Amino acid sequence: MKALGTGWAQGVTFTQIALPSGGGLRPVLELTGQAAQVAAGLGANRWHASISHSDGTAVAVVVLES
């Protein structure tokens, strides 16, 4: 949401942003709904993502380039 510049505004929700499991491969960002529309409006054409987890905690960091 930070990379999109929306925070909780403009109808973007966490459920529209996913980093699905790739079987140990690089994480791939999937945007749907309003998140995808905002990204397209920004000219987003490249993403860098990092994910980590332990026990019951997970974290993801994404950097957007346009």
C-alpha atoms as a PDB file:
ATOM      1  CA  MET A   1       0.000   0.000   0.000  1.00  0.00           C
ATOM      2  CA  LYS A   2       2.880   2.364   0.717  1.00  0.00           C
ATOM      3  CA  ALA A   3       4.413   1.668  -2.698  1.00  0.00           C
ATOM      4  CA  LEU A   4       1.056   2.508  -4.290  1.00  0.00           C
ATOM      5  CA  GLY A   5       0.790   5.716  -2.261  1.00  0.00           C
ATOM      6  CA  THR A   6      -2.690   4.837  -1.001  1.00  0.00           C
ATOM      7  CA  GLY A   7      -2.457   3.656   2.599  1.00  0.00           C
ATOM      8  CA  TRP A   8      -6.007   2.553   3.430  1.00  0.00           C
ATOM      9  CA  ALA A   9      -7.465   5.100   0.997  1.00  0.00           C
ATOM     10  CA  GLN A  10      -8.738   4.778  -2.569  1.00  0.00           C
ATOM     11  CA  GLY A  11     -10.379   1.387  -1.970  1.00  0.00           C
ATOM     12  CA  VAL A  12      -7.111  -0.603  -1.837  1.00  0.00           C
ATOM     13  CA  THR A  13      -7.202  -3.476   0.677  1.00  0.00           C
ATOM     14  CA  PHE A  14      -4.730  -6.152   1.774  1.00  0.00           C
ATOM     15  CA  THR A  15      -6.841  -8.814   0.035  1.00  0.00           C
ATOM     16  CA  GLN A  16      -5.983  -7.212  -3.338  1.00  0.00           C
ATOM     17  CA  ILE A  17      -2.227  -7.689  -2.815  1.00  0.00           C
ATOM     18  CA  ALA A  18      -0.696 -11.185  -2.790  1.00  0.00           C
ATOM     19  CA  LEU A  19       2.737 -12.812  -2.845  1.00  0.00           C
ATOM     20  CA  PRO A  20       1.735 -16.427  -3.521  1.00  0.00           C
ATOM     21  CA  SER A  21       4.060 -19.289  -2.692  1.00  0.00           C
ATOM     22  CA  GLY A  22       6.248 -20.111  -5.660  1.00  0.00           C
ATOM     23  CA  GLY A  23       7.804 -23.298  -4.364  1.00  0.00           C
ATOM     24  CA  GLY A  24      11.036 -21.615  -3.277  1.00  0.00           C
ATOM     25  CA  LEU A  25      11.237 -19.357  -6.324  1.00  0.00           C
ATOM     26  CA  ARG A  26      11.412 -15.572  -6.277  1.00  0.00           C
ATOM     27  CA  PRO A  27       8.225 -14.039  -4.885  1.00  0.00           C
ATOM     28  CA  VAL A  28       5.870 -12.767  -7.575  1.00  0.00           C
ATOM     29  CA  LEU A  29       3.496  -9.929  -6.789  1.00  0.00           C
ATOM     30  CA  GLU A  30      -0.172 -10.328  -7.775  1.00  0.00           C
ATOM     31  CA  LEU A  31      -2.446  -7.282  -7.698  1.00  0.00           C
ATOM     32  CA  THR A  32      -6.205  -7.346  -8.254  1.00  0.00           C
ATOM     33  CA  GLY A  33      -9.056  -4.848  -8.151  1.00  0.00           C
ATOM     34  CA  GLN A  34      -8.334  -1.265  -7.176  1.00  0.00           C
ATOM     35  CA  ALA A  35      -4.706  -2.095  -6.285  1.00  0.00           C
ATOM     36  CA  ALA A  36      -4.076  -3.186  -9.891  1.00  0.00           C
ATOM     37  CA  GLN A  37      -5.794  -0.064 -11.224  1.00  0.00           C
ATOM     38  CA  VAL A  38      -3.737   2.273  -9.021  1.00  0.00           C
ATOM     39  CA  ALA A  39      -0.502   0.502 -10.031  1.00  0.00           C
ATOM     40  CA  ALA A  40      -1.391   0.834 -13.716  1.00  0.00           C
ATOM     41  CA  GLY A  41      -2.168   4.527 -13.221  1.00  0.00           C
ATOM     42  CA  LEU A  42       1.272   5.026 -11.685  1.00  0.00           C
ATOM     43  CA  GLY A  43       2.927   3.310 -14.635  1.00  0.00           C
ATOM     44  CA  ALA A  44       4.228   0.553 -12.355  1.00  0.00           C
ATOM     45  CA  ASN A  45       6.284  -1.758 -14.517  1.00  0.00           C
ATOM     46  CA  ARG A  46       8.724  -3.383 -12.101  1.00  0.00           C
ATOM     47  CA  TRP A  47       8.468  -4.759  -8.571  1.00  0.00           C
ATOM     48  CA  HIS A  48      11.062  -6.070  -6.127  1.00  0.00           C
ATOM     49  CA  ALA A  49       9.764  -8.194  -3.252  1.00  0.00           C
ATOM     50  CA  SER A  50      11.287  -9.830  -0.198  1.00  0.00           C
ATOM     51  CA  ILE A  51       9.443 -12.112   2.218  1.00  0.00           C
ATOM     52  CA  SER A  52      10.342 -13.783   5.495  1.00  0.00           C
ATOM     53  CA  HIS A  53       8.562 -15.746   8.212  1.00  0.00           C
ATOM     54  CA  SER A  54       9.052 -17.579  11.490  1.00  0.00           C
ATOM     55  CA  ASP A  55       6.471 -19.376  13.619  1.00  0.00           C
ATOM     56  CA  GLY A  56       3.278 -17.274  13.462  1.00  0.00           C
ATOM     57  CA  THR A  57       4.778 -14.101  11.987  1.00  0.00           C
ATOM     58  CA  ALA A  58       5.294 -13.124   8.352  1.00  0.00           C
ATOM     59  CA  VAL A  59       6.622  -9.965   6.723  1.00  0.00           C
ATOM     60  CA  ALA A  60       6.862  -8.729   3.136  1.00  0.00           C
ATOM     61  CA  VAL A  61       8.603  -5.676   1.692  1.00  0.00           C
ATOM     62  CA  VAL A  62       7.868  -4.492  -1.846  1.00  0.00           C
ATOM     63  CA  VAL A  63       9.544  -1.720  -3.852  1.00  0.00           C
ATOM     64  CA  LEU A  64       7.777  -0.299  -6.914  1.00  0.00           C
ATOM     65  CA  GLU A  65       9.500   1.162  -9.985  1.00  0.00           C
ATOM     66  CA  SER A  66       7.844   3.085 -12.774  1.00  0.00           C
END
